[in-house]
């Protein structure tokens, strides 16, 4: 790639008069040795998988194999359609769709890691709901994925995208930044606004720990995807409105690296701290270790661990 930082990426975009997604597409093709058309078609296949995961998860009422989670995407989508929903339908859909993809992942379904399986719901939630709202084509969304990929490339090479290395800030945080930046470009934002969206999004998740109950990518991972999608919408709107990330996005990425490196091991995907070690978290882990599904322990309206 001809860029290592987001600032270099934006400078390339401006200098060559191309959107960020086009810079990424051409650089990816040059690096892989494949044609830009082939890279595009491959990304389009990925987007098809994302849309199918949204469809499947949003309609599902059953739970995951562990019994820890399931059906929350459908509940959330149904509530979003009510006139008294606080988020209203558009943002509610983004949240519900993010939950849907994450629930498909928890049920061993087919997803695209964006950038990881633990954060697989944020980008599809934002992209599919925005496509439905604004009438964008699949090709528009594929361009958005290349923009998101460019942002993820910079984060991965300058900080973390793995919860085991940098906590949940590295997984959910990166996904929110990628989605926010891509949505900003899709809505006509400048390269500078894209960078501001990324910086605003990442700052909001600094220090977020990775503490999966029973070591599974379910609690609290799934709901964090839902919240993450809404955060991405907010960051994009702020950037498009002219709100700046006073701390440049590349510097925020360096802070993510610093914070992740200082994070205790118990808060980095080990399930040895945080929510995983609450009394309820330990009880659920013990039940799963004994081969007992947890769904039967729920009372009406109760969602263990969330």
C-alpha atoms as a PDB file:
ATOM      1  CA  UNK A   1       0.000   0.000   0.000  1.00  0.00           C
ATOM      2  CA  UNK A   2       1.147   3.541  -0.679  1.00  0.00           C
ATOM      3  CA  UNK A   3      -0.175   4.748   2.675  1.00  0.00           C
ATOM      4  CA  UNK A   4       0.452   3.782   6.257  1.00  0.00           C
ATOM      5  CA  UNK A   5      -1.513   6.469   8.099  1.00  0.00           C
ATOM      6  CA  UNK A   6      -4.987   7.900   7.616  1.00  0.00           C
ATOM      7  CA  UNK A   7      -3.463  11.273   6.901  1.00  0.00           C
ATOM      8  CA  UNK A   8      -1.397   9.779   4.068  1.00  0.00           C
ATOM      9  CA  UNK A   9      -4.538   8.065   2.761  1.00  0.00           C
ATOM     10  CA  UNK A  10      -6.478  11.340   2.744  1.00  0.00           C
ATOM     11  CA  UNK A  11      -3.592  13.161   1.051  1.00  0.00           C
ATOM     12  CA  UNK A  12      -3.506  10.533  -1.707  1.00  0.00           C
ATOM     13  CA  UNK A  13      -7.244  10.868  -2.176  1.00  0.00           C
ATOM     14  CA  UNK A  14      -7.059  14.647  -2.534  1.00  0.00           C
ATOM     15  CA  UNK A  15      -3.932  14.697  -4.677  1.00  0.00           C
ATOM     16  CA  UNK A  16      -5.267  12.117  -7.146  1.00  0.00           C
ATOM     17  CA  UNK A  17      -8.812  13.464  -7.110  1.00  0.00           C
ATOM     18  CA  UNK A  18     -10.227  10.070  -6.172  1.00  0.00           C
ATOM     19  CA  UNK A  19     -12.449   8.981  -3.289  1.00  0.00           C
ATOM     20  CA  UNK A  20     -10.781   6.925  -0.599  1.00  0.00           C
ATOM     21  CA  UNK A  21     -12.481   3.752  -1.747  1.00  0.00           C
ATOM     22  CA  UNK A  22     -10.934   4.098  -5.201  1.00  0.00           C
ATOM     23  CA  UNK A  23      -7.448   4.625  -3.763  1.00  0.00           C
ATOM     24  CA  UNK A  24      -7.874   1.476  -1.682  1.00  0.00           C
ATOM     25  CA  UNK A  25      -9.265  -0.555  -4.592  1.00  0.00           C
ATOM     26  CA  UNK A  26      -6.376   0.347  -6.869  1.00  0.00           C
ATOM     27  CA  UNK A  27      -3.736  -0.211  -4.206  1.00  0.00           C
ATOM     28  CA  UNK A  28      -5.285  -3.540  -3.244  1.00  0.00           C
ATOM     29  CA  UNK A  29      -5.274  -4.667  -6.856  1.00  0.00           C
ATOM     30  CA  UNK A  30      -1.657  -3.576  -7.276  1.00  0.00           C
ATOM     31  CA  UNK A  31      -0.586  -5.397  -4.118  1.00  0.00           C
ATOM     32  CA  UNK A  32      -2.511  -8.602  -4.834  1.00  0.00           C
ATOM     33  CA  UNK A  33      -1.585  -8.769  -8.513  1.00  0.00           C
ATOM     34  CA  UNK A  34      -5.258  -9.209  -9.390  1.00  0.00           C
ATOM     35  CA  UNK A  35      -7.342  -6.842 -11.492  1.00  0.00           C
ATOM     36  CA  UNK A  36      -9.449  -4.152  -9.849  1.00  0.00           C
ATOM     37  CA  UNK A  37     -12.519  -5.821 -11.352  1.00  0.00           C
ATOM     38  CA  UNK A  38     -11.690  -9.113  -9.657  1.00  0.00           C
ATOM     39  CA  UNK A  39     -11.107  -7.385  -6.313  1.00  0.00           C
ATOM     40  CA  UNK A  40     -14.432  -5.599  -6.717  1.00  0.00           C
ATOM     41  CA  UNK A  41     -16.308  -8.799  -7.490  1.00  0.00           C
ATOM     42  CA  UNK A  42     -14.770 -10.504  -4.460  1.00  0.00           C
ATOM     43  CA  UNK A  43     -15.851  -7.659  -2.177  1.00  0.00           C
ATOM     44  CA  UNK A  44     -19.322  -7.763  -3.707  1.00  0.00           C
ATOM     45  CA  UNK A  45     -19.574 -11.416  -2.723  1.00  0.00           C
ATOM     46  CA  UNK A  46     -18.645 -10.460   0.836  1.00  0.00           C
ATOM     47  CA  UNK A  47     -21.395  -7.857   0.889  1.00  0.00           C
ATOM     48  CA  UNK A  48     -23.871 -10.481  -0.252  1.00  0.00           C
ATOM     49  CA  UNK A  49     -22.876 -12.628   2.729  1.00  0.00           C
ATOM     50  CA  UNK A  50     -23.396  -9.662   5.045  1.00  0.00           C
ATOM     51  CA  UNK A  51     -26.885  -9.004   3.696  1.00  0.00           C
ATOM     52  CA  UNK A  52     -27.837 -12.648   4.038  1.00  0.00           C
ATOM     53  CA  UNK A  53     -26.635 -12.685   7.653  1.00  0.00           C
ATOM     54  CA  UNK A  54     -28.762  -9.617   8.363  1.00  0.00           C
ATOM     55  CA  UNK A  55     -31.813 -11.257   6.798  1.00  0.00           C
ATOM     56  CA  UNK A  56     -31.310 -14.539   8.614  1.00  0.00           C
ATOM     57  CA  UNK A  57     -30.536 -13.038  12.010  1.00  0.00           C
ATOM     58  CA  UNK A  58     -33.343 -10.468  11.944  1.00  0.00           C
ATOM     59  CA  UNK A  59     -35.921 -13.211  11.418  1.00  0.00           C
ATOM     60  CA  UNK A  60     -34.529 -15.685  13.941  1.00  0.00           C
ATOM     61  CA  UNK A  61     -36.336 -16.342  17.189  1.00  0.00           C
ATOM     62  CA  UNK A  62     -34.201 -19.212  18.473  1.00  0.00           C
ATOM     63  CA  UNK A  63     -31.108 -19.034  20.617  1.00  0.00           C
ATOM     64  CA  UNK A  64     -27.437 -19.786  20.167  1.00  0.00           C
ATOM     65  CA  UNK A  65     -26.062 -23.258  20.823  1.00  0.00           C
ATOM     66  CA  UNK A  66     -25.029 -22.200  24.301  1.00  0.00           C
ATOM     67  CA  UNK A  67     -28.457 -20.788  25.089  1.00  0.00           C
ATOM     68  CA  UNK A  68     -26.857 -17.563  26.287  1.00  0.00           C
ATOM     69  CA  UNK A  69     -28.270 -15.361  23.551  1.00  0.00           C
ATOM     70  CA  UNK A  70     -30.687 -15.263  20.658  1.00  0.00           C
ATOM     71  CA  UNK A  71     -33.783 -13.525  19.337  1.00  0.00           C
ATOM     72  CA  UNK A  72     -32.753 -10.052  20.475  1.00  0.00           C
ATOM     73  CA  UNK A  73     -32.342  -8.762  16.924  1.00  0.00           C
ATOM     74  CA  UNK A  74     -35.963  -9.573  16.106  1.00  0.00           C
ATOM     75  CA  UNK A  75     -37.156  -8.077  19.402  1.00  0.00           C
ATOM     76  CA  UNK A  76     -35.199  -4.907  18.771  1.00  0.00           C
ATOM     77  CA  UNK A  77     -36.418  -4.583  15.194  1.00  0.00           C
ATOM     78  CA  UNK A  78     -40.026  -5.087  16.260  1.00  0.00           C
ATOM     79  CA  UNK A  79     -39.641  -2.398  18.923  1.00  0.00           C
ATOM     80  CA  UNK A  80     -37.937  -0.007  16.493  1.00  0.00           C
ATOM     81  CA  UNK A  81     -41.117  -0.052  14.406  1.00  0.00           C
ATOM     82  CA  UNK A  82     -43.165   1.331  17.295  1.00  0.00           C
ATOM     83  CA  UNK A  83     -43.998   5.047  17.226  1.00  0.00           C
ATOM     84  CA  UNK A  84     -42.593   5.499  20.743  1.00  0.00           C
ATOM     85  CA  UNK A  85     -39.149   4.053  19.929  1.00  0.00           C
ATOM     86  CA  UNK A  86     -36.487   6.455  21.175  1.00  0.00           C
ATOM     87  CA  UNK A  87     -34.136   5.741  18.278  1.00  0.00           C
ATOM     88  CA  UNK A  88     -36.900   5.603  15.646  1.00  0.00           C
ATOM     89  CA  UNK A  89     -36.813   3.135  12.786  1.00  0.00           C
ATOM     90  CA  UNK A  90     -33.678   4.171  10.887  1.00  0.00           C
ATOM     91  CA  UNK A  91     -31.227   4.015  13.781  1.00  0.00           C
ATOM     92  CA  UNK A  92     -33.206   1.163  15.297  1.00  0.00           C
ATOM     93  CA  UNK A  93     -32.694  -0.877  12.149  1.00  0.00           C
ATOM     94  CA  UNK A  94     -28.932  -0.304  12.243  1.00  0.00           C
ATOM     95  CA  UNK A  95     -28.857  -1.537  15.821  1.00  0.00           C
ATOM     96  CA  UNK A  96     -31.117  -4.523  15.160  1.00  0.00           C
ATOM     97  CA  UNK A  97     -29.209  -5.556  12.037  1.00  0.00           C
ATOM     98  CA  UNK A  98     -25.912  -5.414  13.915  1.00  0.00           C
ATOM     99  CA  UNK A  99     -27.394  -7.662  16.584  1.00  0.00           C
ATOM    100  CA  UNK A 100     -28.716  -9.954  13.846  1.00  0.00           C
ATOM    101  CA  UNK A 101     -25.324 -10.591  12.278  1.00  0.00           C
ATOM    102  CA  UNK A 102     -23.708 -11.097  15.672  1.00  0.00           C
ATOM    103  CA  UNK A 103     -26.392 -13.630  16.601  1.00  0.00           C
ATOM    104  CA  UNK A 104     -25.760 -15.490  13.353  1.00  0.00           C
ATOM    105  CA  UNK A 105     -22.099 -15.624  14.323  1.00  0.00           C
ATOM    106  CA  UNK A 106     -22.976 -16.970  17.783  1.00  0.00           C
ATOM    107  CA  UNK A 107     -25.093 -19.651  16.100  1.00  0.00           C
ATOM    108  CA  UNK A 108     -22.151 -20.748  13.938  1.00  0.00           C
ATOM    109  CA  UNK A 109     -23.654 -19.140  10.839  1.00  0.00           C
ATOM    110  CA  UNK A 110     -21.789 -17.532   7.949  1.00  0.00           C
ATOM    111  CA  UNK A 111     -20.512 -14.004   8.520  1.00  0.00           C
ATOM    112  CA  UNK A 112     -17.707 -11.753   7.338  1.00  0.00           C
ATOM    113  CA  UNK A 113     -15.196 -10.713   9.997  1.00  0.00           C
ATOM    114  CA  UNK A 114     -15.182  -6.908   9.852  1.00  0.00           C
ATOM    115  CA  UNK A 115     -12.552  -6.640  11.161  1.00  0.00           C
ATOM    116  CA  UNK A 116     -13.109  -9.641  13.493  1.00  0.00           C
ATOM    117  CA  UNK A 117     -15.867 -12.133  14.207  1.00  0.00           C
ATOM    118  CA  UNK A 118     -16.462 -10.421  17.544  1.00  0.00           C
ATOM    119  CA  UNK A 119     -17.253  -7.150  15.770  1.00  0.00           C
ATOM    120  CA  UNK A 120     -18.909  -8.624  12.687  1.00  0.00           C
ATOM    121  CA  UNK A 121     -22.247  -6.862  13.154  1.00  0.00           C
ATOM    122  CA  UNK A 122     -21.318  -3.176  13.153  1.00  0.00           C
ATOM    123  CA  UNK A 123     -20.518  -2.624   9.470  1.00  0.00           C
ATOM    124  CA  UNK A 124     -23.384  -4.780   8.102  1.00  0.00           C
ATOM    125  CA  UNK A 125     -25.774  -3.095  10.527  1.00  0.00           C
ATOM    126  CA  UNK A 126     -24.780   0.364   9.353  1.00  0.00           C
ATOM    127  CA  UNK A 127     -24.431  -0.523   5.670  1.00  0.00           C
ATOM    128  CA  UNK A 128     -27.585  -2.568   5.114  1.00  0.00           C
ATOM    129  CA  UNK A 129     -29.832  -0.189   7.058  1.00  0.00           C
ATOM    130  CA  UNK A 130     -28.347   2.825   5.252  1.00  0.00           C
ATOM    131  CA  UNK A 131     -28.755   1.151   1.875  1.00  0.00           C
ATOM    132  CA  UNK A 132     -32.421   0.546   2.597  1.00  0.00           C
ATOM    133  CA  UNK A 133     -32.901   4.100   3.795  1.00  0.00           C
ATOM    134  CA  UNK A 134     -31.075   5.983   1.034  1.00  0.00           C
ATOM    135  CA  UNK A 135     -31.674   3.647  -1.902  1.00  0.00           C
ATOM    136  CA  UNK A 136     -28.007   3.031  -2.601  1.00  0.00           C
ATOM    137  CA  UNK A 137     -26.980   0.235  -4.959  1.00  0.00           C
ATOM    138  CA  UNK A 138     -24.907  -2.793  -4.013  1.00  0.00           C
ATOM    139  CA  UNK A 139     -22.020  -1.237  -5.934  1.00  0.00           C
ATOM    140  CA  UNK A 140     -22.278   1.871  -3.763  1.00  0.00           C
ATOM    141  CA  UNK A 141     -21.970  -0.334  -0.697  1.00  0.00           C
ATOM    142  CA  UNK A 142     -19.024  -2.248  -2.150  1.00  0.00           C
ATOM    143  CA  UNK A 143     -17.235   1.068  -2.555  1.00  0.00           C
ATOM    144  CA  UNK A 144     -18.037   1.762   1.081  1.00  0.00           C
ATOM    145  CA  UNK A 145     -16.467  -1.541   2.058  1.00  0.00           C
ATOM    146  CA  UNK A 146     -13.234  -0.590   0.309  1.00  0.00           C
ATOM    147  CA  UNK A 147     -13.224   2.691   2.228  1.00  0.00           C
ATOM    148  CA  UNK A 148     -13.828   0.802   5.473  1.00  0.00           C
ATOM    149  CA  UNK A 149     -11.072  -1.615   4.515  1.00  0.00           C
ATOM    150  CA  UNK A 150      -8.592   1.223   4.046  1.00  0.00           C
ATOM    151  CA  UNK A 151      -9.383   2.516   7.522  1.00  0.00           C
ATOM    152  CA  UNK A 152      -9.094  -0.967   9.015  1.00  0.00           C
ATOM    153  CA  UNK A 153      -5.772  -1.494   7.237  1.00  0.00           C
ATOM    154  CA  UNK A 154      -4.324   1.607   8.904  1.00  0.00           C
ATOM    155  CA  UNK A 155      -5.647   0.669  12.346  1.00  0.00           C
ATOM    156  CA  UNK A 156      -4.365  -2.916  12.070  1.00  0.00           C
ATOM    157  CA  UNK A 157      -0.893  -1.783  11.052  1.00  0.00           C
ATOM    158  CA  UNK A 158      -0.567   0.939  13.677  1.00  0.00           C
ATOM    159  CA  UNK A 159      -2.507  -0.463  16.628  1.00  0.00           C
ATOM    160  CA  UNK A 160      -4.749  -3.513  17.226  1.00  0.00           C
ATOM    161  CA  UNK A 161      -7.872  -5.113  15.815  1.00  0.00           C
ATOM    162  CA  UNK A 162      -7.694  -8.136  18.136  1.00  0.00           C
ATOM    163  CA  UNK A 163      -9.361  -8.230  21.535  1.00  0.00           C
ATOM    164  CA  UNK A 164      -6.640 -10.550  22.797  1.00  0.00           C
ATOM    165  CA  UNK A 165      -4.077  -7.858  22.050  1.00  0.00           C
ATOM    166  CA  UNK A 166      -5.878  -4.603  22.754  1.00  0.00           C
ATOM    167  CA  UNK A 167      -9.245  -5.285  24.387  1.00  0.00           C
ATOM    168  CA  UNK A 168     -12.673  -4.689  22.901  1.00  0.00           C
ATOM    169  CA  UNK A 169     -11.633  -1.169  21.901  1.00  0.00           C
ATOM    170  CA  UNK A 170      -9.577  -2.910  19.223  1.00  0.00           C
ATOM    171  CA  UNK A 171     -12.493  -4.932  17.862  1.00  0.00           C
ATOM    172  CA  UNK A 172     -15.677  -2.951  18.365  1.00  0.00           C
ATOM    173  CA  UNK A 173     -13.790   0.346  18.344  1.00  0.00           C
ATOM    174  CA  UNK A 174     -12.127  -0.410  15.023  1.00  0.00           C
ATOM    175  CA  UNK A 175     -15.414  -1.572  13.493  1.00  0.00           C
ATOM    176  CA  UNK A 176     -17.168   1.625  14.592  1.00  0.00           C
ATOM    177  CA  UNK A 177     -14.386   3.752  13.154  1.00  0.00           C
ATOM    178  CA  UNK A 178     -14.445   1.826   9.875  1.00  0.00           C
ATOM    179  CA  UNK A 179     -18.232   2.086   9.576  1.00  0.00           C
ATOM    180  CA  UNK A 180     -18.338   5.768  10.531  1.00  0.00           C
ATOM    181  CA  UNK A 181     -15.640   6.745   8.066  1.00  0.00           C
ATOM    182  CA  UNK A 182     -17.144   4.735   5.223  1.00  0.00           C
ATOM    183  CA  UNK A 183     -20.640   6.090   5.851  1.00  0.00           C
ATOM    184  CA  UNK A 184     -19.239   9.611   5.802  1.00  0.00           C
ATOM    185  CA  UNK A 185     -17.761   9.040   2.345  1.00  0.00           C
ATOM    186  CA  UNK A 186     -20.918   7.317   1.110  1.00  0.00           C
ATOM    187  CA  UNK A 187     -22.887  10.422   2.083  1.00  0.00           C
ATOM    188  CA  UNK A 188     -20.567  12.715   0.178  1.00  0.00           C
ATOM    189  CA  UNK A 189     -18.142  13.688   2.910  1.00  0.00           C
ATOM    190  CA  UNK A 190     -14.632  14.872   2.112  1.00  0.00           C
ATOM    191  CA  UNK A 191     -11.519  12.871   2.984  1.00  0.00           C
ATOM    192  CA  UNK A 192     -10.962  15.255   5.907  1.00  0.00           C
ATOM    193  CA  UNK A 193     -14.472  14.567   7.195  1.00  0.00           C
ATOM    194  CA  UNK A 194     -13.893  10.835   6.857  1.00  0.00           C
ATOM    195  CA  UNK A 195     -10.844  11.165   9.114  1.00  0.00           C
ATOM    196  CA  UNK A 196     -12.770  13.238  11.633  1.00  0.00           C
ATOM    197  CA  UNK A 197     -15.509  10.574  11.747  1.00  0.00           C
ATOM    198  CA  UNK A 198     -12.908   7.899  12.470  1.00  0.00           C
ATOM    199  CA  UNK A 199     -11.280   9.958  15.204  1.00  0.00           C
ATOM    200  CA  UNK A 200     -14.611  10.797  16.844  1.00  0.00           C
ATOM    201  CA  UNK A 201     -15.665   7.139  16.763  1.00  0.00           C
ATOM    202  CA  UNK A 202     -12.426   5.736  18.158  1.00  0.00           C
ATOM    203  CA  UNK A 203     -12.234   8.266  20.978  1.00  0.00           C
ATOM    204  CA  UNK A 204     -15.606   7.057  22.217  1.00  0.00           C
ATOM    205  CA  UNK A 205     -14.374   3.486  22.763  1.00  0.00           C
ATOM    206  CA  UNK A 206     -10.869   3.979  24.189  1.00  0.00           C
ATOM    207  CA  UNK A 207     -10.292   1.638  27.122  1.00  0.00           C
ATOM    208  CA  UNK A 208     -13.180  -0.731  26.369  1.00  0.00           C
ATOM    209  CA  UNK A 209     -12.189  -4.113  27.768  1.00  0.00           C
ATOM    210  CA  UNK A 210     -12.757  -7.578  26.277  1.00  0.00           C
ATOM    211  CA  UNK A 211     -14.511  -9.700  28.907  1.00  0.00           C
ATOM    212  CA  UNK A 212     -16.563 -12.441  27.221  1.00  0.00           C
ATOM    213  CA  UNK A 213     -18.662 -14.542  29.562  1.00  0.00           C
ATOM    214  CA  UNK A 214     -17.512 -18.178  29.414  1.00  0.00           C
ATOM    215  CA  UNK A 215     -15.049 -17.131  26.724  1.00  0.00           C
ATOM    216  CA  UNK A 216     -17.806 -17.079  24.085  1.00  0.00           C
ATOM    217  CA  UNK A 217     -18.427 -14.276  21.599  1.00  0.00           C
ATOM    218  CA  UNK A 218     -21.903 -13.634  22.970  1.00  0.00           C
ATOM    219  CA  UNK A 219     -22.084 -11.682  26.244  1.00  0.00           C
ATOM    220  CA  UNK A 220     -21.426  -8.735  26.112  1.00  0.00           C
ATOM    221  CA  UNK A 221     -20.120  -8.907  22.537  1.00  0.00           C
ATOM    222  CA  UNK A 222     -23.458  -9.023  20.745  1.00  0.00           C
ATOM    223  CA  UNK A 223     -25.019  -5.987  22.390  1.00  0.00           C
ATOM    224  CA  UNK A 224     -21.788  -4.048  21.920  1.00  0.00           C
ATOM    225  CA  UNK A 225     -22.218  -4.581  18.187  1.00  0.00           C
ATOM    226  CA  UNK A 226     -25.696  -3.092  18.399  1.00  0.00           C
ATOM    227  CA  UNK A 227     -24.547  -0.059  20.340  1.00  0.00           C
ATOM    228  CA  UNK A 228     -21.547   0.219  18.017  1.00  0.00           C
ATOM    229  CA  UNK A 229     -23.733   0.613  14.942  1.00  0.00           C
ATOM    230  CA  UNK A 230     -25.579   3.519  16.540  1.00  0.00           C
ATOM    231  CA  UNK A 231     -22.279   5.103  17.586  1.00  0.00           C
ATOM    232  CA  UNK A 232     -21.060   4.888  13.983  1.00  0.00           C
ATOM    233  CA  UNK A 233     -24.161   6.707  12.745  1.00  0.00           C
ATOM    234  CA  UNK A 234     -23.594   9.417  15.334  1.00  0.00           C
ATOM    235  CA  UNK A 235     -19.910   9.850  14.481  1.00  0.00           C
ATOM    236  CA  UNK A 236     -20.677  10.147  10.772  1.00  0.00           C
ATOM    237  CA  UNK A 237     -23.388  12.732  11.403  1.00  0.00           C
ATOM    238  CA  UNK A 238     -21.087  14.742  13.648  1.00  0.00           C
ATOM    239  CA  UNK A 239     -18.331  14.774  11.032  1.00  0.00           C
ATOM    240  CA  UNK A 240     -20.721  15.708   8.225  1.00  0.00           C
ATOM    241  CA  UNK A 241     -22.134  18.487  10.395  1.00  0.00           C
ATOM    242  CA  UNK A 242     -18.651  19.954  10.724  1.00  0.00           C
ATOM    243  CA  UNK A 243     -17.662  18.578  14.124  1.00  0.00           C
ATOM    244  CA  UNK A 244     -13.912  17.991  14.190  1.00  0.00           C
ATOM    245  CA  UNK A 245     -11.864  15.416  16.025  1.00  0.00           C
ATOM    246  CA  UNK A 246      -9.477  17.866  17.643  1.00  0.00           C
ATOM    247  CA  UNK A 247      -7.058  15.024  18.307  1.00  0.00           C
ATOM    248  CA  UNK A 248      -6.218  13.744  14.798  1.00  0.00           C
ATOM    249  CA  UNK A 249      -7.400  10.232  14.046  1.00  0.00           C
ATOM    250  CA  UNK A 250      -3.860   8.919  13.589  1.00  0.00           C
ATOM    251  CA  UNK A 251      -2.998  10.142  17.080  1.00  0.00           C
ATOM    252  CA  UNK A 252      -6.144   8.520  18.478  1.00  0.00           C
ATOM    253  CA  UNK A 253      -4.994   5.237  16.916  1.00  0.00           C
ATOM    254  CA  UNK A 254      -1.678   5.619  18.728  1.00  0.00           C
ATOM    255  CA  UNK A 255      -3.552   6.146  21.996  1.00  0.00           C
ATOM    256  CA  UNK A 256      -5.485   2.935  21.315  1.00  0.00           C
ATOM    257  CA  UNK A 257      -2.136   1.183  21.020  1.00  0.00           C
ATOM    258  CA  UNK A 258      -0.922   2.723  24.285  1.00  0.00           C
ATOM    259  CA  UNK A 259      -4.111   1.914  26.197  1.00  0.00           C
ATOM    260  CA  UNK A 260      -4.318  -1.622  24.828  1.00  0.00           C
ATOM    261  CA  UNK A 261      -0.717  -2.327  25.729  1.00  0.00           C
ATOM    262  CA  UNK A 262      -1.335  -1.140  29.296  1.00  0.00           C
ATOM    263  CA  UNK A 263      -4.549  -3.131  29.694  1.00  0.00           C
ATOM    264  CA  UNK A 264      -4.291  -6.042  32.173  1.00  0.00           C
ATOM    265  CA  UNK A 265      -4.364  -9.523  30.680  1.00  0.00           C
ATOM    266  CA  UNK A 266      -7.572 -10.304  32.540  1.00  0.00           C
ATOM    267  CA  UNK A 267      -9.324  -7.676  30.409  1.00  0.00           C
ATOM    268  CA  UNK A 268      -8.053  -8.945  27.068  1.00  0.00           C
ATOM    269  CA  UNK A 269     -10.255 -11.832  25.937  1.00  0.00           C
ATOM    270  CA  UNK A 270      -9.226 -14.199  28.716  1.00  0.00           C
ATOM    271  CA  UNK A 271     -12.625 -14.231  30.460  1.00  0.00           C
ATOM    272  CA  UNK A 272     -10.689 -13.784  33.718  1.00  0.00           C
ATOM    273  CA  UNK A 273     -12.041 -10.356  34.555  1.00  0.00           C
ATOM    274  CA  UNK A 274     -14.817  -7.869  33.956  1.00  0.00           C
ATOM    275  CA  UNK A 275     -18.310  -9.163  33.257  1.00  0.00           C
ATOM    276  CA  UNK A 276     -16.996 -12.697  32.850  1.00  0.00           C
ATOM    277  CA  UNK A 277     -16.073 -12.813  36.521  1.00  0.00           C
ATOM    278  CA  UNK A 278     -19.262 -11.409  37.992  1.00  0.00           C
ATOM    279  CA  UNK A 279     -21.263 -13.914  40.069  1.00  0.00           C
ATOM    280  CA  UNK A 280     -23.681 -14.362  37.176  1.00  0.00           C
ATOM    281  CA  UNK A 281     -20.869 -14.626  34.651  1.00  0.00           C
ATOM    282  CA  UNK A 282     -19.169 -17.344  36.662  1.00  0.00           C
ATOM    283  CA  UNK A 283     -22.437 -19.224  37.176  1.00  0.00           C
ATOM    284  CA  UNK A 284     -23.161 -19.248  33.450  1.00  0.00           C
ATOM    285  CA  UNK A 285     -19.642 -20.453  32.679  1.00  0.00           C
ATOM    286  CA  UNK A 286     -20.023 -23.267  35.208  1.00  0.00           C
ATOM    287  CA  UNK A 287     -23.343 -24.338  33.697  1.00  0.00           C
ATOM    288  CA  UNK A 288     -21.854 -24.422  30.213  1.00  0.00           C
ATOM    289  CA  UNK A 289     -18.836 -26.362  31.414  1.00  0.00           C
ATOM    290  CA  UNK A 290     -21.232 -28.910  32.888  1.00  0.00           C
ATOM    291  CA  UNK A 291     -23.006 -29.181  29.540  1.00  0.00           C
ATOM    292  CA  UNK A 292     -26.142 -27.343  30.663  1.00  0.00           C
ATOM    293  CA  UNK A 293     -27.843 -24.861  28.346  1.00  0.00           C
ATOM    294  CA  UNK A 294     -28.622 -21.614  30.111  1.00  0.00           C
ATOM    295  CA  UNK A 295     -31.812 -20.541  28.364  1.00  0.00           C
ATOM    296  CA  UNK A 296     -33.980 -22.635  30.657  1.00  0.00           C
ATOM    297  CA  UNK A 297     -32.821 -20.585  33.628  1.00  0.00           C
ATOM    298  CA  UNK A 298     -34.252 -17.351  32.279  1.00  0.00           C
ATOM    299  CA  UNK A 299     -37.426 -15.901  33.621  1.00  0.00           C
ATOM    300  CA  UNK A 300     -39.797 -13.947  31.370  1.00  0.00           C
ATOM    301  CA  UNK A 301     -38.164 -10.714  30.308  1.00  0.00           C
ATOM    302  CA  UNK A 302     -34.789 -11.672  31.765  1.00  0.00           C
ATOM    303  CA  UNK A 303     -31.612 -11.686  29.691  1.00  0.00           C
ATOM    304  CA  UNK A 304     -28.779 -13.280  31.608  1.00  0.00           C
ATOM    305  CA  UNK A 305     -25.651 -11.226  31.889  1.00  0.00           C
ATOM    306  CA  UNK A 306     -26.742  -8.283  29.738  1.00  0.00           C
END
